[in-house]
Each structure stands twice: as structure tokens, then as C-alpha cells.
Full PDB file with SEQRES, HELIX, SHEET, SSBOND, CRYST1, ORIGX, SCALE, CONECT and MASTER records, all heavy atoms in Angstrom:
SEQRES   1 A   30  GLU ASP ARG LEU ALA MET LEU ALA ASP TYR GLY MET THR          
SEQRES   2 A   30  GLU PRO ALA LEU LEU ALA LEU ALA ARG GLU SER TYR ARG          
SEQRES   3 A   30  LEU LEU GLY LEU                                              
HELIX    1 AA1 ASP A    2  ASP A    9  1                                   8    
HELIX    2 AA2 ALA A   16  LEU A   27  1                                  12    
CRYST1    1.000    1.000    1.000  90.00  90.00  90.00 P 1           1          
ORIGX1      1.000000  0.000000  0.000000        0.00000                         
ORIGX2      0.000000  1.000000  0.000000        0.00000                         
ORIGX3      0.000000  0.000000  1.000000        0.00000                         
SCALE1      1.000000  0.000000  0.000000        0.00000                         
SCALE2      0.000000  1.000000  0.000000        0.00000                         
SCALE3      0.000000  0.000000  1.000000        0.00000                         
ATOM      1  N   GLU A   1     100.259  22.508  35.795  1.00  0.00           N  
ATOM      2  CA  GLU A   1     100.954  22.346  34.513  1.00  0.00           C  
ATOM      3  C   GLU A   1     100.825  20.922  33.981  1.00  0.00           C  
ATOM      4  O   GLU A   1     100.655  20.705  32.775  1.00  0.00           O  
ATOM      5  CB  GLU A   1     102.432  22.746  34.647  1.00  0.00           C  
ATOM      6  CG  GLU A   1     103.239  21.956  35.667  1.00  0.00           C  
ATOM      7  CD  GLU A   1     103.134  22.499  37.086  1.00  0.00           C  
ATOM      8  OE1 GLU A   1     102.246  23.354  37.323  1.00  0.00           O  
ATOM      9  OE2 GLU A   1     103.934  22.070  37.936  1.00  0.00           O  
ATOM     10  N   ASP A   2     100.855  19.933  34.884  1.00  0.00           N  
ATOM     11  CA  ASP A   2     100.698  18.543  34.456  1.00  0.00           C  
ATOM     12  C   ASP A   2      99.261  18.257  34.024  1.00  0.00           C  
ATOM     13  O   ASP A   2      99.016  17.456  33.119  1.00  0.00           O  
ATOM     14  CB  ASP A   2     101.094  17.591  35.582  1.00  0.00           C  
ATOM     15  CG  ASP A   2     102.580  17.674  35.911  1.00  0.00           C  
ATOM     16  OD1 ASP A   2     103.355  18.131  35.041  1.00  0.00           O  
ATOM     17  OD2 ASP A   2     102.961  17.298  37.033  1.00  0.00           O  
ATOM     18  N   ARG A   3      98.339  18.931  34.680  1.00  0.00           N  
ATOM     19  CA  ARG A   3      96.926  18.727  34.351  1.00  0.00           C  
ATOM     20  C   ARG A   3      96.642  19.183  32.935  1.00  0.00           C  
ATOM     21  O   ARG A   3      95.941  18.501  32.173  1.00  0.00           O  
ATOM     22  CB  ARG A   3      96.066  19.496  35.358  1.00  0.00           C  
ATOM     23  CG  ARG A   3      94.592  19.134  35.309  1.00  0.00           C  
ATOM     24  CD  ARG A   3      93.796  19.933  36.332  1.00  0.00           C  
ATOM     25  NE  ARG A   3      94.467  19.954  37.613  1.00  0.00           N  
ATOM     26  CZ  ARG A   3      94.767  21.056  38.266  1.00  0.00           C  
ATOM     27  NH1 ARG A   3      94.486  22.235  37.754  1.00  0.00           N  
ATOM     28  NH2 ARG A   3      95.376  20.994  39.424  1.00  0.00           N  
ATOM     29  N   LEU A   4      97.151  20.331  32.563  1.00  0.00           N  
ATOM     30  CA  LEU A   4      96.930  20.850  31.210  1.00  0.00           C  
ATOM     31  C   LEU A   4      97.516  19.916  30.162  1.00  0.00           C  
ATOM     32  O   LEU A   4      96.908  19.680  29.112  1.00  0.00           O  
ATOM     33  CB  LEU A   4      97.543  22.247  31.082  1.00  0.00           C  
ATOM     34  CG  LEU A   4      96.838  23.371  31.853  1.00  0.00           C  
ATOM     35  CD1 LEU A   4      97.645  24.652  31.774  1.00  0.00           C  
ATOM     36  CD2 LEU A   4      95.424  23.595  31.302  1.00  0.00           C  
ATOM     37  N   ALA A   5      98.685  19.371  30.457  1.00  0.00           N  
ATOM     38  CA  ALA A   5      99.328  18.445  29.522  1.00  0.00           C  
ATOM     39  C   ALA A   5      98.504  17.168  29.386  1.00  0.00           C  
ATOM     40  O   ALA A   5      98.326  16.640  28.275  1.00  0.00           O  
ATOM     41  CB  ALA A   5     100.745  18.116  29.992  1.00  0.00           C  
ATOM     42  N   MET A   6      97.974  16.683  30.499  1.00  0.00           N  
ATOM     43  CA  MET A   6      97.166  15.465  30.470  1.00  0.00           C  
ATOM     44  C   MET A   6      95.864  15.691  29.710  1.00  0.00           C  
ATOM     45  O   MET A   6      95.429  14.843  28.924  1.00  0.00           O  
ATOM     46  CB  MET A   6      96.874  15.001  31.897  1.00  0.00           C  
ATOM     47  CG  MET A   6      96.212  13.634  31.984  1.00  0.00           C  
ATOM     48  SD  MET A   6      96.109  13.065  33.706  1.00  0.00           S  
ATOM     49  CE  MET A   6      95.311  11.474  33.502  1.00  0.00           C  
ATOM     50  N   LEU A   7      95.236  16.846  29.915  1.00  0.00           N  
ATOM     51  CA  LEU A   7      94.019  17.172  29.168  1.00  0.00           C  
ATOM     52  C   LEU A   7      94.291  17.192  27.674  1.00  0.00           C  
ATOM     53  O   LEU A   7      93.511  16.664  26.873  1.00  0.00           O  
ATOM     54  CB  LEU A   7      93.473  18.532  29.625  1.00  0.00           C  
ATOM     55  CG  LEU A   7      92.768  18.578  30.982  1.00  0.00           C  
ATOM     56  CD1 LEU A   7      92.549  20.017  31.420  1.00  0.00           C  
ATOM     57  CD2 LEU A   7      91.437  17.837  30.925  1.00  0.00           C  
ATOM     58  N   ALA A   8      95.395  17.802  27.308  1.00  0.00           N  
ATOM     59  CA  ALA A   8      95.762  17.882  25.887  1.00  0.00           C  
ATOM     60  C   ALA A   8      95.960  16.488  25.300  1.00  0.00           C  
ATOM     61  O   ALA A   8      95.557  16.218  24.155  1.00  0.00           O  
ATOM     62  CB  ALA A   8      97.024  18.715  25.715  1.00  0.00           C  
ATOM     63  N   ASP A   9      96.546  15.584  26.075  1.00  0.00           N  
ATOM     64  CA  ASP A   9      96.765  14.211  25.606  1.00  0.00           C  
ATOM     65  C   ASP A   9      95.440  13.524  25.269  1.00  0.00           C  
ATOM     66  O   ASP A   9      95.392  12.658  24.386  1.00  0.00           O  
ATOM     67  CB  ASP A   9      97.495  13.388  26.672  1.00  0.00           C  
ATOM     68  CG  ASP A   9      98.962  13.789  26.806  1.00  0.00           C  
ATOM     69  OD1 ASP A   9      99.479  14.449  25.879  1.00  0.00           O  
ATOM     70  OD2 ASP A   9      99.576  13.457  27.845  1.00  0.00           O  
ATOM     71  N   TYR A  10      94.391  13.911  25.978  1.00  0.00           N  
ATOM     72  CA  TYR A  10      93.081  13.295  25.764  1.00  0.00           C  
ATOM     73  C   TYR A  10      92.175  14.137  24.850  1.00  0.00           C  
ATOM     74  O   TYR A  10      90.989  13.838  24.694  1.00  0.00           O  
ATOM     75  CB  TYR A  10      92.374  13.069  27.109  1.00  0.00           C  
ATOM     76  CG  TYR A  10      92.935  11.899  27.887  1.00  0.00           C  
ATOM     77  CD1 TYR A  10      93.905  12.085  28.872  1.00  0.00           C  
ATOM     78  CD2 TYR A  10      92.499  10.605  27.628  1.00  0.00           C  
ATOM     79  CE1 TYR A  10      94.428  11.015  29.581  1.00  0.00           C  
ATOM     80  CE2 TYR A  10      93.010   9.525  28.335  1.00  0.00           C  
ATOM     81  CZ  TYR A  10      93.975   9.740  29.317  1.00  0.00           C  
ATOM     82  OH  TYR A  10      94.490   8.672  30.016  1.00  0.00           O  
ATOM     83  N   GLY A  11      92.725  15.186  24.250  1.00  0.00           N  
ATOM     84  CA  GLY A  11      91.943  16.021  23.348  1.00  0.00           C  
ATOM     85  C   GLY A  11      90.913  16.876  24.054  1.00  0.00           C  
ATOM     86  O   GLY A  11      89.916  17.290  23.453  1.00  0.00           O  
ATOM     87  N   MET A  12      91.149  17.194  25.337  1.00  0.00           N  
ATOM     88  CA  MET A  12      90.209  17.968  26.147  1.00  0.00           C  
ATOM     89  C   MET A  12      90.787  19.344  26.448  1.00  0.00           C  
ATOM     90  O   MET A  12      92.001  19.494  26.595  1.00  0.00           O  
ATOM     91  CB  MET A  12      89.891  17.227  27.452  1.00  0.00           C  
ATOM     92  CG  MET A  12      89.299  15.836  27.234  1.00  0.00           C  
ATOM     93  SD  MET A  12      89.311  14.829  28.753  1.00  0.00           S  
ATOM     94  CE  MET A  12      88.174  15.760  29.810  1.00  0.00           C  
ATOM     95  N   THR A  13      89.915  20.339  26.561  1.00  0.00           N  
ATOM     96  CA  THR A  13      90.359  21.696  26.875  1.00  0.00           C  
ATOM     97  C   THR A  13      90.159  22.042  28.346  1.00  0.00           C  
ATOM     98  O   THR A  13      90.750  22.992  28.848  1.00  0.00           O  
ATOM     99  CB  THR A  13      89.595  22.729  26.023  1.00  0.00           C  
ATOM    100  OG1 THR A  13      88.186  22.568  26.248  1.00  0.00           O  
ATOM    101  CG2 THR A  13      89.899  22.528  24.538  1.00  0.00           C  
ATOM    102  N   GLU A  14      89.320  21.286  29.043  1.00  0.00           N  
ATOM    103  CA  GLU A  14      89.075  21.497  30.461  1.00  0.00           C  
ATOM    104  C   GLU A  14      88.578  20.187  31.068  1.00  0.00           C  
ATOM    105  O   GLU A  14      88.096  19.308  30.350  1.00  0.00           O  
ATOM    106  CB  GLU A  14      88.031  22.597  30.686  1.00  0.00           C  
ATOM    107  CG  GLU A  14      86.629  22.230  30.217  1.00  0.00           C  
ATOM    108  CD  GLU A  14      85.585  23.268  30.583  1.00  0.00           C  
ATOM    109  OE1 GLU A  14      85.936  24.320  31.134  1.00  0.00           O  
ATOM    110  OE2 GLU A  14      84.396  23.003  30.319  1.00  0.00           O  
ATOM    111  N   PRO A  15      88.695  20.035  32.388  1.00  0.00           N  
ATOM    112  CA  PRO A  15      88.132  18.842  33.018  1.00  0.00           C  
ATOM    113  C   PRO A  15      86.622  18.754  32.756  1.00  0.00           C  
ATOM    114  O   PRO A  15      85.921  19.769  32.778  1.00  0.00           O  
ATOM    115  CB  PRO A  15      88.419  19.066  34.507  1.00  0.00           C  
ATOM    116  CG  PRO A  15      89.599  19.978  34.528  1.00  0.00           C  
ATOM    117  CD  PRO A  15      89.412  20.887  33.345  1.00  0.00           C  
ATOM    118  N   ALA A  16      86.140  17.548  32.529  1.00  0.00           N  
ATOM    119  CA  ALA A  16      84.712  17.365  32.253  1.00  0.00           C  
ATOM    120  C   ALA A  16      83.853  17.769  33.440  1.00  0.00           C  
ATOM    121  O   ALA A  16      82.677  18.129  33.273  1.00  0.00           O  
ATOM    122  CB  ALA A  16      84.448  15.904  31.873  1.00  0.00           C  
ATOM    123  N   LEU A  17      84.428  17.721  34.640  1.00  0.00           N  
ATOM    124  CA  LEU A  17      83.657  18.106  35.826  1.00  0.00           C  
ATOM    125  C   LEU A  17      83.197  19.557  35.757  1.00  0.00           C  
ATOM    126  O   LEU A  17      82.131  19.908  36.273  1.00  0.00           O  
ATOM    127  CB  LEU A  17      84.496  17.895  37.092  1.00  0.00           C  
ATOM    128  CG  LEU A  17      84.837  16.442  37.449  1.00  0.00           C  
ATOM    129  CD1 LEU A  17      85.607  16.416  38.760  1.00  0.00           C  
ATOM    130  CD2 LEU A  17      83.595  15.588  37.544  1.00  0.00           C  
ATOM    131  N   LEU A  18      83.995  20.415  35.128  1.00  0.00           N  
ATOM    132  CA  LEU A  18      83.601  21.819  35.018  1.00  0.00           C  
ATOM    133  C   LEU A  18      82.389  21.956  34.096  1.00  0.00           C  
ATOM    134  O   LEU A  18      81.453  22.714  34.381  1.00  0.00           O  
ATOM    135  CB  LEU A  18      84.767  22.659  34.508  1.00  0.00           C  
ATOM    136  CG  LEU A  18      86.053  22.610  35.341  1.00  0.00           C  
ATOM    137  CD1 LEU A  18      87.052  23.651  34.836  1.00  0.00           C  
ATOM    138  CD2 LEU A  18      85.767  22.822  36.820  1.00  0.00           C  
ATOM    139  N   ALA A  19      82.404  21.215  32.993  1.00  0.00           N  
ATOM    140  CA  ALA A  19      81.247  21.225  32.088  1.00  0.00           C  
ATOM    141  C   ALA A  19      80.019  20.658  32.793  1.00  0.00           C  
ATOM    142  O   ALA A  19      78.905  21.156  32.614  1.00  0.00           O  
ATOM    143  CB  ALA A  19      81.559  20.411  30.832  1.00  0.00           C  
ATOM    144  N   LEU A  20      80.227  19.643  33.612  1.00  0.00           N  
ATOM    145  CA  LEU A  20      79.112  19.044  34.350  1.00  0.00           C  
ATOM    146  C   LEU A  20      78.502  20.039  35.331  1.00  0.00           C  
ATOM    147  O   LEU A  20      77.276  20.140  35.455  1.00  0.00           O  
ATOM    148  CB  LEU A  20      79.596  17.797  35.087  1.00  0.00           C  
ATOM    149  CG  LEU A  20      78.570  17.089  35.969  1.00  0.00           C  
ATOM    150  CD1 LEU A  20      77.343  16.669  35.165  1.00  0.00           C  
ATOM    151  CD2 LEU A  20      79.194  15.873  36.656  1.00  0.00           C  
ATOM    152  N   ALA A  21      79.342  20.795  36.035  1.00  0.00           N  
ATOM    153  CA  ALA A  21      78.838  21.793  36.986  1.00  0.00           C  
ATOM    154  C   ALA A  21      78.017  22.855  36.277  1.00  0.00           C  
ATOM    155  O   ALA A  21      76.931  23.239  36.724  1.00  0.00           O  
ATOM    156  CB  ALA A  21      80.004  22.431  37.744  1.00  0.00           C  
ATOM    157  N   ARG A  22      78.516  23.341  35.132  1.00  0.00           N  
ATOM    158  CA  ARG A  22      77.781  24.367  34.385  1.00  0.00           C  
ATOM    159  C   ARG A  22      76.452  23.837  33.862  1.00  0.00           C  
ATOM    160  O   ARG A  22      75.422  24.520  33.922  1.00  0.00           O  
ATOM    161  CB  ARG A  22      78.633  24.883  33.224  1.00  0.00           C  
ATOM    162  CG  ARG A  22      79.728  25.844  33.609  1.00  0.00           C  
ATOM    163  CD  ARG A  22      80.287  26.577  32.393  1.00  0.00           C  
ATOM    164  NE  ARG A  22      80.926  25.644  31.480  1.00  0.00           N  
ATOM    165  CZ  ARG A  22      82.226  25.344  31.499  1.00  0.00           C  
ATOM    166  NH1 ARG A  22      83.011  25.899  32.386  1.00  0.00           N  
ATOM    167  NH2 ARG A  22      82.731  24.501  30.630  1.00  0.00           N  
ATOM    168  N   GLU A  23      76.464  22.609  33.332  1.00  0.00           N  
ATOM    169  CA  GLU A  23      75.243  22.041  32.766  1.00  0.00           C  
ATOM    170  C   GLU A  23      74.213  21.742  33.866  1.00  0.00           C  
ATOM    171  O   GLU A  23      73.010  21.890  33.656  1.00  0.00           O  
ATOM    172  CB  GLU A  23      75.570  20.761  31.985  1.00  0.00           C  
ATOM    173  CG  GLU A  23      74.451  20.250  31.088  1.00  0.00           C  
ATOM    174  CD  GLU A  23      74.103  21.201  29.958  1.00  0.00           C  
ATOM    175  OE1 GLU A  23      74.975  21.990  29.541  1.00  0.00           O  
ATOM    176  OE2 GLU A  23      72.945  21.162  29.487  1.00  0.00           O  
ATOM    177  N   SER A  24      74.686  21.347  35.035  1.00  0.00           N  
ATOM    178  CA  SER A  24      73.787  21.104  36.167  1.00  0.00           C  
ATOM    179  C   SER A  24      73.110  22.399  36.597  1.00  0.00           C  
ATOM    180  O   SER A  24      71.917  22.425  36.928  1.00  0.00           O  
ATOM    181  CB  SER A  24      74.569  20.509  37.345  1.00  0.00           C  
ATOM    182  OG  SER A  24      75.200  19.301  36.976  1.00  0.00           O  
ATOM    183  N   TYR A  25      73.863  23.474  36.605  1.00  0.00           N  
ATOM    184  CA  TYR A  25      73.348  24.803  36.952  1.00  0.00           C  
ATOM    185  C   TYR A  25      72.232  25.194  35.992  1.00  0.00           C  
ATOM    186  O   TYR A  25      71.159  25.652  36.403  1.00  0.00           O  
ATOM    187  CB  TYR A  25      74.521  25.779  36.844  1.00  0.00           C  
ATOM    188  CG  TYR A  25      74.360  27.108  37.552  1.00  0.00           C  
ATOM    189  CD1 TYR A  25      74.304  27.192  38.931  1.00  0.00           C  
ATOM    190  CD2 TYR A  25      74.336  28.296  36.827  1.00  0.00           C  
ATOM    191  CE1 TYR A  25      74.216  28.424  39.578  1.00  0.00           C  
ATOM    192  CE2 TYR A  25      74.250  29.531  37.451  1.00  0.00           C  
ATOM    193  CZ  TYR A  25      74.190  29.579  38.834  1.00  0.00           C  
ATOM    194  OH  TYR A  25      74.105  30.798  39.461  1.00  0.00           O  
ATOM    195  N   ARG A  26      72.479  24.966  34.703  1.00  0.00           N  
ATOM    196  CA  ARG A  26      71.476  25.284  33.682  1.00  0.00           C  
ATOM    197  C   ARG A  26      70.241  24.403  33.850  1.00  0.00           C  
ATOM    198  O   ARG A  26      69.100  24.856  33.733  1.00  0.00           O  
ATOM    199  CB  ARG A  26      72.088  25.085  32.293  1.00  0.00           C  
ATOM    200  CG  ARG A  26      71.163  25.470  31.132  1.00  0.00           C  
ATOM    201  CD  ARG A  26      71.547  24.784  29.850  1.00  0.00           C  
ATOM    202  NE  ARG A  26      71.415  23.354  29.943  1.00  0.00           N  
ATOM    203  CZ  ARG A  26      70.262  22.695  29.891  1.00  0.00           C  
ATOM    204  NH1 ARG A  26      69.121  23.355  29.773  1.00  0.00           N  
ATOM    205  NH2 ARG A  26      70.227  21.379  29.986  1.00  0.00           N  
ATOM    206  N   LEU A  27      70.458  23.121  34.146  1.00  0.00           N  
ATOM    207  CA  LEU A  27      69.358  22.179  34.309  1.00  0.00           C  
ATOM    208  C   LEU A  27      68.399  22.624  35.415  1.00  0.00           C  
ATOM    209  O   LEU A  27      67.186  22.459  35.311  1.00  0.00           O  
ATOM    210  CB  LEU A  27      69.929  20.797  34.643  1.00  0.00           C  
ATOM    211  CG  LEU A  27      68.924  19.658  34.838  1.00  0.00           C  
ATOM    212  CD1 LEU A  27      68.356  19.226  33.495  1.00  0.00           C  
ATOM    213  CD2 LEU A  27      69.581  18.468  35.528  1.00  0.00           C  
ATOM    214  N   LEU A  28      68.948  23.207  36.464  1.00  0.00           N  
ATOM    215  CA  LEU A  28      68.146  23.661  37.591  1.00  0.00           C  
ATOM    216  C   LEU A  28      67.413  24.974  37.307  1.00  0.00           C  
ATOM    217  O   LEU A  28      66.682  25.469  38.157  1.00  0.00           O  
ATOM    218  CB  LEU A  28      69.030  23.818  38.827  1.00  0.00           C  
ATOM    219  CG  LEU A  28      69.494  22.507  39.469  1.00  0.00           C  
ATOM    220  CD1 LEU A  28      70.661  22.755  40.417  1.00  0.00           C  
ATOM    221  CD2 LEU A  28      68.348  21.845  40.212  1.00  0.00           C  
ATOM    222  N   GLY A  29      67.617  25.525  36.113  1.00  0.00           N  
ATOM    223  CA  GLY A  29      66.955  26.782  35.775  1.00  0.00           C  
ATOM    224  C   GLY A  29      67.540  27.965  36.516  1.00  0.00           C  
ATOM    225  O   GLY A  29      66.831  28.929  36.835  1.00  0.00           O  
ATOM    226  N   LEU A  30      68.847  27.897  36.784  1.00  0.00           N  
ATOM    227  CA  LEU A  30      69.510  28.962  37.537  1.00  0.00           C  
ATOM    228  C   LEU A  30      70.303  29.871  36.610  1.00  0.00           C  
ATOM    229  O   LEU A  30      70.694  29.481  35.512  1.00  0.00           O  
ATOM    230  CB  LEU A  30      70.441  28.349  38.581  1.00  0.00           C  
ATOM    231  CG  LEU A  30      69.783  27.412  39.586  1.00  0.00           C  
ATOM    232  CD1 LEU A  30      70.833  26.775  40.486  1.00  0.00           C  
ATOM    233  CD2 LEU A  30      68.728  28.138  40.410  1.00  0.00           C  
TER     234      LEU A  30                                                      
MASTER        0    0    0    2    0    0    0    6  233    1    0    3          
END                                                                             
């Protein structure tokens, strides 16, 4: 619950690490 509030404070909808994991997966052609 605190994480969601902190993300909202920074104008983010999810941790950037999740976007990084998805983009890395795509980069590898997977």
C-alpha cells in the first residue's frame, strides 16, 4: 500500500524495474 502511494507521488504507475525486465526480454528476442 505504501509502494503504490510512493509511485503515485512520482507520477509512476509501476516500478521501473518491471518495465526494465519486460524490455530486456524483448531485447533478447524472446
